[in-house]
N, C-alpha and C. Protein backbone atom coordinates (compact mmCIF):
# COMPACT_ATOMS: atom_id res chain seq x y z
N MET A 1 -59.52 48.28 -12.88
CA MET A 1 -59.02 47.43 -13.93
C MET A 1 -57.51 47.25 -13.82
N THR A 2 -56.84 48.28 -13.47
CA THR A 2 -55.40 48.19 -13.32
C THR A 2 -55.03 47.26 -12.17
N PHE A 3 -55.80 47.36 -11.15
CA PHE A 3 -55.54 46.50 -9.99
C PHE A 3 -55.63 45.03 -10.36
N SER A 4 -56.59 44.63 -11.13
CA SER A 4 -56.74 43.22 -11.51
C SER A 4 -55.63 42.76 -12.45
N LYS A 5 -55.10 43.67 -13.30
CA LYS A 5 -53.98 43.28 -14.17
C LYS A 5 -52.74 42.97 -13.32
N ASN A 6 -52.44 43.84 -12.36
CA ASN A 6 -51.28 43.61 -11.48
C ASN A 6 -51.45 42.34 -10.66
N LYS A 7 -52.67 42.07 -10.27
CA LYS A 7 -52.92 40.86 -9.48
C LYS A 7 -52.65 39.63 -10.33
N ARG A 8 -53.07 39.69 -11.61
CA ARG A 8 -52.82 38.58 -12.50
C ARG A 8 -51.33 38.41 -12.77
N LEU A 9 -50.58 39.49 -12.93
CA LEU A 9 -49.14 39.42 -13.16
C LEU A 9 -48.42 38.82 -11.96
N ASN A 10 -48.78 39.26 -10.77
CA ASN A 10 -48.16 38.72 -9.57
C ASN A 10 -48.44 37.24 -9.42
N LYS A 11 -49.62 36.85 -9.81
CA LYS A 11 -49.98 35.44 -9.69
C LYS A 11 -49.14 34.58 -10.63
N ARG A 12 -48.85 35.09 -11.81
CA ARG A 12 -48.06 34.34 -12.77
C ARG A 12 -46.58 34.28 -12.36
N ILE A 13 -46.03 35.28 -11.77
CA ILE A 13 -44.62 35.35 -11.41
C ILE A 13 -44.32 34.52 -10.16
N ALA A 14 -45.14 34.52 -9.23
CA ALA A 14 -44.91 33.83 -7.97
C ALA A 14 -44.92 32.32 -8.15
N MET A 15 -44.10 31.61 -7.30
CA MET A 15 -44.06 30.15 -7.33
C MET A 15 -44.79 29.62 -6.10
N THR A 16 -45.47 28.56 -6.29
CA THR A 16 -46.18 27.96 -5.18
C THR A 16 -45.22 27.09 -4.37
N PHE A 17 -45.63 26.76 -3.18
CA PHE A 17 -44.84 25.88 -2.30
C PHE A 17 -44.64 24.52 -2.95
N ALA A 18 -45.62 24.01 -3.63
CA ALA A 18 -45.53 22.71 -4.30
C ALA A 18 -44.47 22.74 -5.39
N GLU A 19 -44.39 23.82 -6.16
CA GLU A 19 -43.37 23.93 -7.20
C GLU A 19 -41.97 23.97 -6.60
N ILE A 20 -41.80 24.66 -5.50
CA ILE A 20 -40.50 24.72 -4.82
C ILE A 20 -40.11 23.33 -4.31
N MET A 21 -41.05 22.60 -3.75
CA MET A 21 -40.76 21.25 -3.24
C MET A 21 -40.38 20.31 -4.38
N VAL A 22 -41.03 20.44 -5.52
CA VAL A 22 -40.69 19.59 -6.68
C VAL A 22 -39.28 19.92 -7.15
N ALA A 23 -38.92 21.19 -7.20
CA ALA A 23 -37.57 21.59 -7.61
C ALA A 23 -36.51 21.06 -6.64
N VAL A 24 -36.79 21.16 -5.35
CA VAL A 24 -35.86 20.64 -4.35
C VAL A 24 -35.71 19.13 -4.49
N ALA A 25 -36.78 18.42 -4.74
CA ALA A 25 -36.74 16.96 -4.90
C ALA A 25 -35.91 16.58 -6.13
N ILE A 26 -36.07 17.33 -7.22
CA ILE A 26 -35.29 17.03 -8.43
C ILE A 26 -33.80 17.26 -8.18
N VAL A 27 -33.45 18.35 -7.53
CA VAL A 27 -32.04 18.64 -7.23
C VAL A 27 -31.47 17.57 -6.29
N ALA A 28 -32.23 17.19 -5.28
CA ALA A 28 -31.77 16.17 -4.34
C ALA A 28 -31.61 14.83 -5.05
N GLY A 29 -32.55 14.50 -5.92
CA GLY A 29 -32.48 13.24 -6.66
C GLY A 29 -31.27 13.19 -7.57
N ALA A 30 -30.89 14.32 -8.13
CA ALA A 30 -29.71 14.36 -8.99
C ALA A 30 -28.42 14.41 -8.16
N ALA A 31 -28.46 15.02 -6.99
CA ALA A 31 -27.25 15.16 -6.17
C ALA A 31 -26.84 13.84 -5.52
N PHE A 32 -27.77 13.00 -5.14
CA PHE A 32 -27.43 11.75 -4.44
C PHE A 32 -26.55 10.84 -5.29
N PRO A 33 -26.89 10.56 -6.55
CA PRO A 33 -25.99 9.71 -7.35
C PRO A 33 -24.60 10.33 -7.56
N ILE A 34 -24.55 11.65 -7.68
CA ILE A 34 -23.25 12.31 -7.85
C ILE A 34 -22.43 12.15 -6.57
N TYR A 35 -23.04 12.31 -5.41
CA TYR A 35 -22.34 12.12 -4.14
C TYR A 35 -21.86 10.68 -4.00
N TYR A 36 -22.72 9.73 -4.31
CA TYR A 36 -22.36 8.31 -4.21
C TYR A 36 -21.19 7.99 -5.13
N LEU A 37 -21.23 8.48 -6.36
CA LEU A 37 -20.17 8.23 -7.33
C LEU A 37 -18.84 8.84 -6.85
N THR A 38 -18.89 10.05 -6.35
CA THR A 38 -17.68 10.71 -5.86
C THR A 38 -17.11 9.98 -4.65
N ASN A 39 -17.96 9.59 -3.73
CA ASN A 39 -17.50 8.92 -2.52
C ASN A 39 -16.92 7.54 -2.83
N SER A 40 -17.57 6.76 -3.67
CA SER A 40 -17.05 5.44 -4.00
C SER A 40 -15.76 5.55 -4.80
N SER A 41 -15.65 6.56 -5.65
CA SER A 41 -14.43 6.78 -6.41
C SER A 41 -13.27 7.12 -5.47
N ARG A 42 -13.52 7.92 -4.46
CA ARG A 42 -12.50 8.27 -3.48
C ARG A 42 -12.03 7.03 -2.72
N LYS A 43 -12.97 6.17 -2.34
CA LYS A 43 -12.60 4.94 -1.61
C LYS A 43 -11.76 4.02 -2.48
N GLU A 44 -12.14 3.86 -3.74
CA GLU A 44 -11.38 2.98 -4.64
C GLU A 44 -9.99 3.55 -4.90
N THR A 45 -9.87 4.86 -5.01
CA THR A 45 -8.57 5.49 -5.21
C THR A 45 -7.68 5.27 -3.99
N THR A 46 -8.25 5.39 -2.80
CA THR A 46 -7.49 5.16 -1.57
C THR A 46 -7.02 3.71 -1.51
N ARG A 47 -7.87 2.76 -1.87
CA ARG A 47 -7.46 1.35 -1.88
C ARG A 47 -6.34 1.11 -2.87
N ALA A 48 -6.42 1.73 -4.03
CA ALA A 48 -5.38 1.56 -5.04
C ALA A 48 -4.05 2.15 -4.56
N ILE A 49 -4.09 3.29 -3.89
CA ILE A 49 -2.87 3.91 -3.36
C ILE A 49 -2.27 3.01 -2.29
N ASN A 50 -3.10 2.45 -1.41
CA ASN A 50 -2.59 1.55 -0.36
C ASN A 50 -1.98 0.30 -0.97
N TYR A 51 -2.60 -0.23 -2.02
CA TYR A 51 -2.06 -1.40 -2.70
C TYR A 51 -0.70 -1.06 -3.31
N LEU A 52 -0.58 0.12 -3.90
CA LEU A 52 0.68 0.55 -4.49
C LEU A 52 1.76 0.68 -3.41
N ARG A 53 1.40 1.19 -2.24
CA ARG A 53 2.37 1.28 -1.14
C ARG A 53 2.85 -0.11 -0.73
N ALA A 54 1.94 -1.07 -0.69
CA ALA A 54 2.31 -2.44 -0.34
C ALA A 54 3.25 -3.04 -1.39
N VAL A 55 2.96 -2.78 -2.66
CA VAL A 55 3.84 -3.26 -3.73
C VAL A 55 5.23 -2.63 -3.59
N GLU A 56 5.28 -1.35 -3.26
CA GLU A 56 6.57 -0.68 -3.06
C GLU A 56 7.35 -1.31 -1.91
N LEU A 57 6.67 -1.61 -0.81
CA LEU A 57 7.34 -2.22 0.34
C LEU A 57 7.87 -3.61 0.00
N ALA A 58 7.10 -4.39 -0.76
CA ALA A 58 7.55 -5.73 -1.15
C ALA A 58 8.68 -5.64 -2.17
N ASN A 59 8.53 -4.77 -3.14
CA ASN A 59 9.54 -4.63 -4.18
C ASN A 59 10.87 -4.12 -3.62
N GLU A 60 10.81 -3.30 -2.60
CA GLU A 60 12.01 -2.79 -1.96
C GLU A 60 12.89 -3.94 -1.46
N VAL A 61 12.27 -4.92 -0.82
CA VAL A 61 13.03 -6.07 -0.31
C VAL A 61 13.57 -6.91 -1.46
N LEU A 62 12.78 -7.09 -2.49
CA LEU A 62 13.24 -7.88 -3.63
C LEU A 62 14.42 -7.21 -4.32
N GLU A 63 14.42 -5.88 -4.37
CA GLU A 63 15.55 -5.16 -4.94
C GLU A 63 16.80 -5.34 -4.08
N TRP A 64 16.66 -5.25 -2.77
CA TRP A 64 17.80 -5.48 -1.88
C TRP A 64 18.32 -6.90 -2.05
N ALA A 65 17.44 -7.86 -2.21
CA ALA A 65 17.86 -9.25 -2.40
C ALA A 65 18.61 -9.41 -3.71
N SER A 66 18.17 -8.73 -4.74
CA SER A 66 18.81 -8.89 -6.05
C SER A 66 20.20 -8.28 -6.12
N VAL A 67 20.52 -7.31 -5.27
CA VAL A 67 21.87 -6.72 -5.29
C VAL A 67 22.78 -7.35 -4.25
N SER A 68 22.25 -8.23 -3.44
CA SER A 68 23.08 -8.92 -2.43
C SER A 68 23.86 -10.05 -3.08
N LYS A 69 24.99 -10.37 -2.50
CA LYS A 69 25.72 -11.56 -2.96
C LYS A 69 24.90 -12.79 -2.61
N TYR A 70 24.97 -13.77 -3.45
CA TYR A 70 24.17 -14.99 -3.26
C TYR A 70 24.43 -15.63 -1.90
N GLU A 71 25.68 -15.67 -1.49
CA GLU A 71 26.05 -16.31 -0.21
C GLU A 71 25.46 -15.55 0.98
N GLU A 72 25.29 -14.23 0.84
CA GLU A 72 24.77 -13.41 1.93
C GLU A 72 23.25 -13.35 1.97
N LEU A 73 22.62 -13.99 1.02
CA LEU A 73 21.16 -13.96 0.92
C LEU A 73 20.56 -15.03 1.84
N THR A 74 20.36 -14.63 3.11
CA THR A 74 19.80 -15.53 4.11
C THR A 74 18.67 -14.81 4.84
N GLU A 75 17.85 -15.59 5.51
CA GLU A 75 16.76 -14.98 6.29
C GLU A 75 17.32 -14.11 7.41
N ALA A 76 18.46 -14.50 7.97
CA ALA A 76 19.06 -13.71 9.04
C ALA A 76 19.47 -12.32 8.53
N ASN A 77 20.04 -12.26 7.33
CA ASN A 77 20.44 -10.97 6.77
C ASN A 77 19.24 -10.15 6.30
N MET A 78 18.14 -10.78 5.99
CA MET A 78 16.95 -10.07 5.54
C MET A 78 15.99 -9.79 6.69
N ALA A 79 16.36 -10.18 7.90
CA ALA A 79 15.47 -10.03 9.06
C ALA A 79 15.15 -8.57 9.37
N ALA A 80 16.03 -7.65 9.00
CA ALA A 80 15.77 -6.23 9.27
C ALA A 80 14.54 -5.75 8.52
N PHE A 81 14.19 -6.42 7.43
CA PHE A 81 13.04 -6.02 6.63
C PHE A 81 11.73 -6.66 7.09
N THR A 82 11.79 -7.53 8.08
CA THR A 82 10.61 -8.24 8.56
C THR A 82 10.05 -7.55 9.79
N GLY A 83 8.73 -7.44 9.84
CA GLY A 83 8.09 -6.91 11.04
C GLY A 83 7.16 -5.75 10.78
N LEU A 84 6.70 -5.17 11.87
CA LEU A 84 5.75 -4.06 11.84
C LEU A 84 6.44 -2.81 11.32
N MET A 85 5.78 -2.09 10.43
CA MET A 85 6.35 -0.89 9.83
C MET A 85 5.88 0.38 10.55
N THR A 86 5.34 0.22 11.76
CA THR A 86 4.78 1.34 12.50
C THR A 86 5.34 1.34 13.92
N ASN A 87 5.71 2.51 14.41
CA ASN A 87 6.05 2.68 15.82
C ASN A 87 4.80 3.13 16.55
N VAL A 88 4.42 2.41 17.58
CA VAL A 88 3.26 2.79 18.38
C VAL A 88 3.72 3.00 19.81
N ALA A 89 3.54 4.22 20.29
CA ALA A 89 3.90 4.56 21.66
C ALA A 89 2.70 5.27 22.28
N GLY A 90 1.89 4.51 23.01
CA GLY A 90 0.65 5.08 23.58
C GLY A 90 -0.32 5.44 22.47
N ASP A 91 -0.69 6.70 22.40
CA ASP A 91 -1.58 7.17 21.34
C ASP A 91 -0.82 7.69 20.13
N SER A 92 0.49 7.73 20.22
CA SER A 92 1.32 8.27 19.15
C SER A 92 1.67 7.18 18.14
N ILE A 93 1.49 7.49 16.86
CA ILE A 93 1.80 6.54 15.79
C ILE A 93 2.74 7.23 14.81
N SER A 94 3.82 6.53 14.43
CA SER A 94 4.74 7.08 13.43
C SER A 94 5.35 5.92 12.64
N SER A 95 5.90 6.26 11.48
CA SER A 95 6.59 5.25 10.67
C SER A 95 7.95 4.95 11.27
N ILE A 96 8.43 3.75 10.99
CA ILE A 96 9.71 3.35 11.55
C ILE A 96 10.86 3.88 10.70
N VAL A 97 12.03 3.95 11.31
CA VAL A 97 13.28 4.17 10.59
C VAL A 97 13.96 2.82 10.59
N LEU A 98 14.20 2.27 9.43
CA LEU A 98 14.66 0.90 9.30
C LEU A 98 16.17 0.86 9.06
N PRO A 99 16.95 0.29 10.00
CA PRO A 99 18.37 0.10 9.72
C PRO A 99 18.51 -0.97 8.64
N THR A 100 19.36 -0.74 7.67
CA THR A 100 19.46 -1.66 6.55
C THR A 100 20.65 -2.59 6.70
N THR A 101 20.52 -3.75 6.09
CA THR A 101 21.62 -4.68 5.94
C THR A 101 22.25 -4.34 4.61
N ILE A 102 23.43 -3.77 4.65
CA ILE A 102 24.03 -3.29 3.41
C ILE A 102 24.60 -4.47 2.63
N PRO A 103 24.10 -4.67 1.40
CA PRO A 103 24.64 -5.77 0.60
C PRO A 103 26.05 -5.45 0.12
N SER A 104 26.80 -6.49 -0.13
CA SER A 104 28.19 -6.32 -0.58
C SER A 104 28.19 -6.10 -2.10
N ASN A 105 27.81 -4.93 -2.50
CA ASN A 105 27.81 -4.58 -3.90
C ASN A 105 28.87 -3.50 -4.09
N ASP A 106 30.01 -3.88 -4.66
CA ASP A 106 31.16 -2.97 -4.76
C ASP A 106 30.85 -1.73 -5.59
N ILE A 107 30.09 -1.88 -6.65
CA ILE A 107 29.78 -0.72 -7.51
C ILE A 107 28.95 0.29 -6.72
N TRP A 108 27.97 -0.19 -5.99
CA TRP A 108 27.13 0.72 -5.20
C TRP A 108 27.94 1.40 -4.10
N LYS A 109 28.84 0.63 -3.47
CA LYS A 109 29.67 1.22 -2.40
C LYS A 109 30.58 2.31 -2.96
N ASN A 110 31.21 2.04 -4.10
CA ASN A 110 32.12 3.02 -4.69
C ASN A 110 31.40 4.29 -5.12
N ASP A 111 30.17 4.17 -5.55
CA ASP A 111 29.41 5.34 -6.00
C ASP A 111 28.60 5.98 -4.87
N ASN A 112 28.77 5.51 -3.64
CA ASN A 112 28.05 6.05 -2.47
C ASN A 112 26.54 5.99 -2.64
N LEU A 113 26.04 4.89 -3.14
CA LEU A 113 24.60 4.75 -3.36
C LEU A 113 23.89 4.01 -2.23
N LEU A 114 24.64 3.52 -1.26
CA LEU A 114 24.03 2.76 -0.17
C LEU A 114 23.74 3.68 1.01
N VAL A 115 22.65 3.38 1.70
CA VAL A 115 22.27 4.16 2.88
C VAL A 115 22.27 3.26 4.10
N ASP A 116 22.44 3.86 5.27
CA ASP A 116 22.44 3.09 6.51
C ASP A 116 21.03 2.85 7.03
N SER A 117 20.10 3.75 6.68
CA SER A 117 18.73 3.65 7.18
C SER A 117 17.74 4.05 6.09
N LEU A 118 16.57 3.45 6.17
CA LEU A 118 15.48 3.82 5.28
C LEU A 118 14.42 4.55 6.08
N PHE A 119 13.95 5.66 5.55
CA PHE A 119 12.93 6.46 6.22
C PHE A 119 11.63 6.33 5.42
N TYR A 120 10.54 6.13 6.13
CA TYR A 120 9.24 5.97 5.48
C TYR A 120 8.34 7.15 5.82
N SER A 121 7.47 7.47 4.89
CA SER A 121 6.51 8.57 5.07
C SER A 121 5.51 8.21 6.17
N GLU A 122 4.95 9.23 6.80
CA GLU A 122 3.93 9.01 7.84
C GLU A 122 2.70 8.30 7.28
N GLN A 123 2.50 8.37 5.98
CA GLN A 123 1.34 7.73 5.36
C GLN A 123 1.38 6.21 5.53
N TYR A 124 2.57 5.66 5.71
CA TYR A 124 2.70 4.22 5.91
C TYR A 124 2.29 3.79 7.31
N ALA A 125 2.33 4.71 8.26
CA ALA A 125 2.11 4.36 9.66
C ALA A 125 0.67 3.97 9.95
N TYR A 126 -0.29 4.67 9.40
CA TYR A 126 -1.68 4.48 9.79
C TYR A 126 -2.35 3.27 9.15
N LEU A 127 -1.63 2.57 8.29
CA LEU A 127 -2.18 1.34 7.70
C LEU A 127 -1.64 0.09 8.39
N TYR A 128 -0.73 0.27 9.34
CA TYR A 128 -0.16 -0.82 10.12
C TYR A 128 0.42 -1.92 9.22
N PHE A 129 1.26 -1.51 8.27
CA PHE A 129 1.90 -2.48 7.38
C PHE A 129 2.75 -3.44 8.19
N TYR A 130 2.69 -4.70 7.81
CA TYR A 130 3.53 -5.73 8.40
C TYR A 130 4.17 -6.48 7.25
N ARG A 131 5.50 -6.59 7.27
CA ARG A 131 6.22 -7.23 6.16
C ARG A 131 6.90 -8.49 6.67
N ASP A 132 6.76 -9.57 5.92
CA ASP A 132 7.37 -10.86 6.26
C ASP A 132 8.22 -11.31 5.08
N VAL A 133 9.47 -11.69 5.35
CA VAL A 133 10.40 -12.09 4.30
C VAL A 133 10.86 -13.52 4.54
N LYS A 134 10.79 -14.33 3.50
CA LYS A 134 11.26 -15.72 3.57
C LYS A 134 12.30 -15.93 2.47
N VAL A 135 13.40 -16.59 2.83
CA VAL A 135 14.44 -16.96 1.86
C VAL A 135 14.59 -18.47 1.95
N GLU A 136 14.43 -19.14 0.82
CA GLU A 136 14.55 -20.59 0.83
C GLU A 136 15.32 -21.08 -0.40
N GLU A 137 16.05 -22.14 -0.19
CA GLU A 137 16.81 -22.78 -1.27
C GLU A 137 15.84 -23.56 -2.16
N VAL A 138 16.00 -23.44 -3.46
CA VAL A 138 15.18 -24.21 -4.41
C VAL A 138 16.03 -25.37 -4.87
N ALA A 139 15.68 -26.57 -4.42
CA ALA A 139 16.49 -27.75 -4.77
C ALA A 139 15.61 -28.96 -5.04
N ASP A 140 14.31 -28.76 -5.16
CA ASP A 140 13.40 -29.90 -5.34
C ASP A 140 13.31 -30.37 -6.78
N VAL A 141 13.85 -29.60 -7.70
CA VAL A 141 13.68 -29.89 -9.12
C VAL A 141 14.91 -30.61 -9.64
N ASP A 142 14.70 -31.55 -10.59
CA ASP A 142 15.79 -32.38 -11.10
C ASP A 142 16.89 -31.58 -11.77
N TYR A 143 16.55 -30.56 -12.51
CA TYR A 143 17.55 -29.83 -13.30
C TYR A 143 18.19 -28.66 -12.54
N ILE A 144 17.82 -28.45 -11.29
CA ILE A 144 18.44 -27.39 -10.50
C ILE A 144 19.40 -28.04 -9.51
N LYS A 145 20.65 -27.63 -9.60
CA LYS A 145 21.68 -28.15 -8.71
C LYS A 145 21.51 -27.52 -7.33
N PRO A 146 22.00 -28.17 -6.28
CA PRO A 146 21.98 -27.55 -4.95
C PRO A 146 22.82 -26.26 -4.95
N ASN A 147 22.40 -25.29 -4.19
CA ASN A 147 23.07 -24.00 -4.05
C ASN A 147 23.11 -23.22 -5.37
N MET A 148 22.06 -23.39 -6.18
CA MET A 148 22.00 -22.71 -7.48
C MET A 148 20.94 -21.61 -7.53
N VAL A 149 19.79 -21.84 -6.88
CA VAL A 149 18.69 -20.88 -6.94
C VAL A 149 18.07 -20.73 -5.55
N LYS A 150 17.79 -19.47 -5.19
CA LYS A 150 17.06 -19.18 -3.95
C LYS A 150 15.79 -18.43 -4.31
N LYS A 151 14.76 -18.72 -3.55
CA LYS A 151 13.49 -18.03 -3.73
C LYS A 151 13.31 -17.06 -2.56
N VAL A 152 13.09 -15.79 -2.90
CA VAL A 152 12.84 -14.77 -1.89
C VAL A 152 11.36 -14.38 -2.03
N SER A 153 10.62 -14.57 -0.94
CA SER A 153 9.19 -14.24 -0.92
C SER A 153 8.94 -13.16 0.11
N VAL A 154 8.15 -12.17 -0.28
CA VAL A 154 7.80 -11.07 0.61
C VAL A 154 6.28 -11.01 0.68
N THR A 155 5.75 -11.01 1.89
CA THR A 155 4.32 -10.85 2.11
C THR A 155 4.10 -9.57 2.91
N VAL A 156 3.29 -8.69 2.37
CA VAL A 156 2.97 -7.43 3.05
C VAL A 156 1.49 -7.47 3.40
N SER A 157 1.19 -7.29 4.68
CA SER A 157 -0.19 -7.25 5.17
C SER A 157 -0.46 -5.87 5.71
N TRP A 158 -1.70 -5.39 5.54
CA TRP A 158 -2.06 -4.09 6.09
C TRP A 158 -3.54 -4.05 6.42
N SER A 159 -3.90 -3.07 7.19
CA SER A 159 -5.28 -2.93 7.65
C SER A 159 -5.81 -1.57 7.19
N GLU A 160 -6.83 -1.60 6.33
CA GLU A 160 -7.39 -0.35 5.81
C GLU A 160 -8.50 0.21 6.69
N ALA A 161 -9.26 -0.65 7.29
CA ALA A 161 -10.47 -0.19 7.97
C ALA A 161 -10.24 0.18 9.43
N ASN A 162 -9.43 -0.60 10.13
CA ASN A 162 -9.30 -0.36 11.57
C ASN A 162 -7.93 -0.84 12.06
N ARG A 163 -7.63 -0.51 13.28
CA ARG A 163 -6.37 -0.93 13.89
C ARG A 163 -6.45 -2.42 14.23
N PRO A 164 -5.41 -3.20 13.90
CA PRO A 164 -5.42 -4.62 14.25
C PRO A 164 -5.39 -4.81 15.77
N GLN A 165 -6.00 -5.89 16.24
CA GLN A 165 -6.00 -6.19 17.67
C GLN A 165 -4.59 -6.47 18.16
N ASN A 166 -3.86 -7.30 17.41
CA ASN A 166 -2.48 -7.64 17.75
C ASN A 166 -1.58 -7.08 16.66
N LEU A 167 -0.81 -6.05 16.97
CA LEU A 167 0.00 -5.38 15.96
C LEU A 167 1.09 -6.28 15.37
N ASN A 168 1.55 -7.26 16.12
CA ASN A 168 2.62 -8.13 15.64
C ASN A 168 2.11 -9.42 15.02
N ASN A 169 0.83 -9.49 14.74
CA ASN A 169 0.24 -10.66 14.10
C ASN A 169 -0.27 -10.25 12.71
N PRO A 170 0.43 -10.67 11.64
CA PRO A 170 0.01 -10.24 10.30
C PRO A 170 -1.37 -10.75 9.89
N SER A 171 -1.84 -11.84 10.48
CA SER A 171 -3.16 -12.36 10.10
C SER A 171 -4.30 -11.50 10.65
N ASP A 172 -3.98 -10.51 11.48
CA ASP A 172 -4.98 -9.59 12.03
C ASP A 172 -5.35 -8.48 11.05
N ARG A 173 -4.74 -8.46 9.89
CA ARG A 173 -4.98 -7.41 8.91
C ARG A 173 -5.91 -7.91 7.81
N ASN A 174 -6.64 -6.98 7.18
CA ASN A 174 -7.66 -7.41 6.22
C ASN A 174 -7.19 -7.40 4.77
N ARG A 175 -5.97 -6.98 4.49
CA ARG A 175 -5.45 -6.99 3.12
C ARG A 175 -4.06 -7.63 3.12
N LYS A 176 -3.71 -8.30 1.99
CA LYS A 176 -2.42 -8.99 1.92
C LYS A 176 -1.94 -9.02 0.48
N LEU A 177 -0.61 -8.91 0.32
CA LEU A 177 0.02 -8.97 -0.99
C LEU A 177 1.28 -9.81 -0.86
N SER A 178 1.54 -10.71 -1.81
CA SER A 178 2.74 -11.53 -1.80
C SER A 178 3.46 -11.42 -3.14
N LEU A 179 4.76 -11.21 -3.08
CA LEU A 179 5.61 -11.19 -4.27
C LEU A 179 6.80 -12.10 -4.03
N SER A 180 7.25 -12.77 -5.09
CA SER A 180 8.41 -13.66 -4.98
C SER A 180 9.32 -13.44 -6.18
N VAL A 181 10.59 -13.76 -5.97
CA VAL A 181 11.57 -13.69 -7.05
C VAL A 181 12.56 -14.83 -6.86
N LEU A 182 13.08 -15.34 -7.96
CA LEU A 182 14.13 -16.35 -7.92
C LEU A 182 15.46 -15.67 -8.16
N ILE A 183 16.43 -15.95 -7.30
CA ILE A 183 17.77 -15.38 -7.42
C ILE A 183 18.71 -16.50 -7.84
N LEU A 184 19.40 -16.30 -8.93
CA LEU A 184 20.30 -17.31 -9.49
C LEU A 184 21.72 -17.08 -9.03
N ASN A 185 22.37 -18.14 -8.59
CA ASN A 185 23.79 -18.10 -8.25
C ASN A 185 24.56 -18.35 -9.54
N ASP A 186 25.00 -17.29 -10.17
CA ASP A 186 25.64 -17.43 -11.48
C ASP A 186 27.00 -18.11 -11.42
N LYS A 187 27.56 -18.27 -10.23
CA LYS A 187 28.85 -18.98 -10.10
C LYS A 187 28.67 -20.48 -10.34
N THR A 188 27.45 -20.99 -10.24
CA THR A 188 27.22 -22.42 -10.46
C THR A 188 26.96 -22.77 -11.92
N LEU A 189 26.87 -21.75 -12.76
CA LEU A 189 26.60 -22.00 -14.17
C LEU A 189 27.87 -22.44 -14.89
N THR A 190 27.73 -23.38 -15.78
CA THR A 190 28.86 -23.81 -16.63
C THR A 190 28.48 -23.57 -18.07
N PHE A 191 29.41 -23.05 -18.81
CA PHE A 191 29.13 -22.73 -20.22
C PHE A 191 29.92 -23.62 -21.12
């Protein structure tokens, strides 16, 4: 009699193979959506960070343009900011060190706020950022006098998924951001 009681107890405590498979299926079914959610969230966060880096690169040029004297605001003076933001030497990739065109801002010069070169983090290198700067005179409108307003446009292109075929061709990248600002020549204003 004792033997049959123990046999019944063991039978109740033990799990069958079918019960184990059902438990594994439930855990797997719950884990897949969590994995998908985590992975897609990581990808979206990475895209947002890359977009923010592109905004920083574009805004940097617009800031330099806004502190430059109006007469010095030309495409030739802004040319240092145009081009590939990555050094590629064989298999080695690194961010560039950008020599700057120092604007003639006396307050910044007196306070030692100007730098000769801009250094970028390595995180900028692997996205193959390409920056294009255009400076144009705005004179098509009736109420704007010649030599009164310039438009500075910055287009930043980058590649998130793969390396571009042609590194010096911005259209080879799969993402693009454009920012523009109008710079007023306050010497032309009459009060």
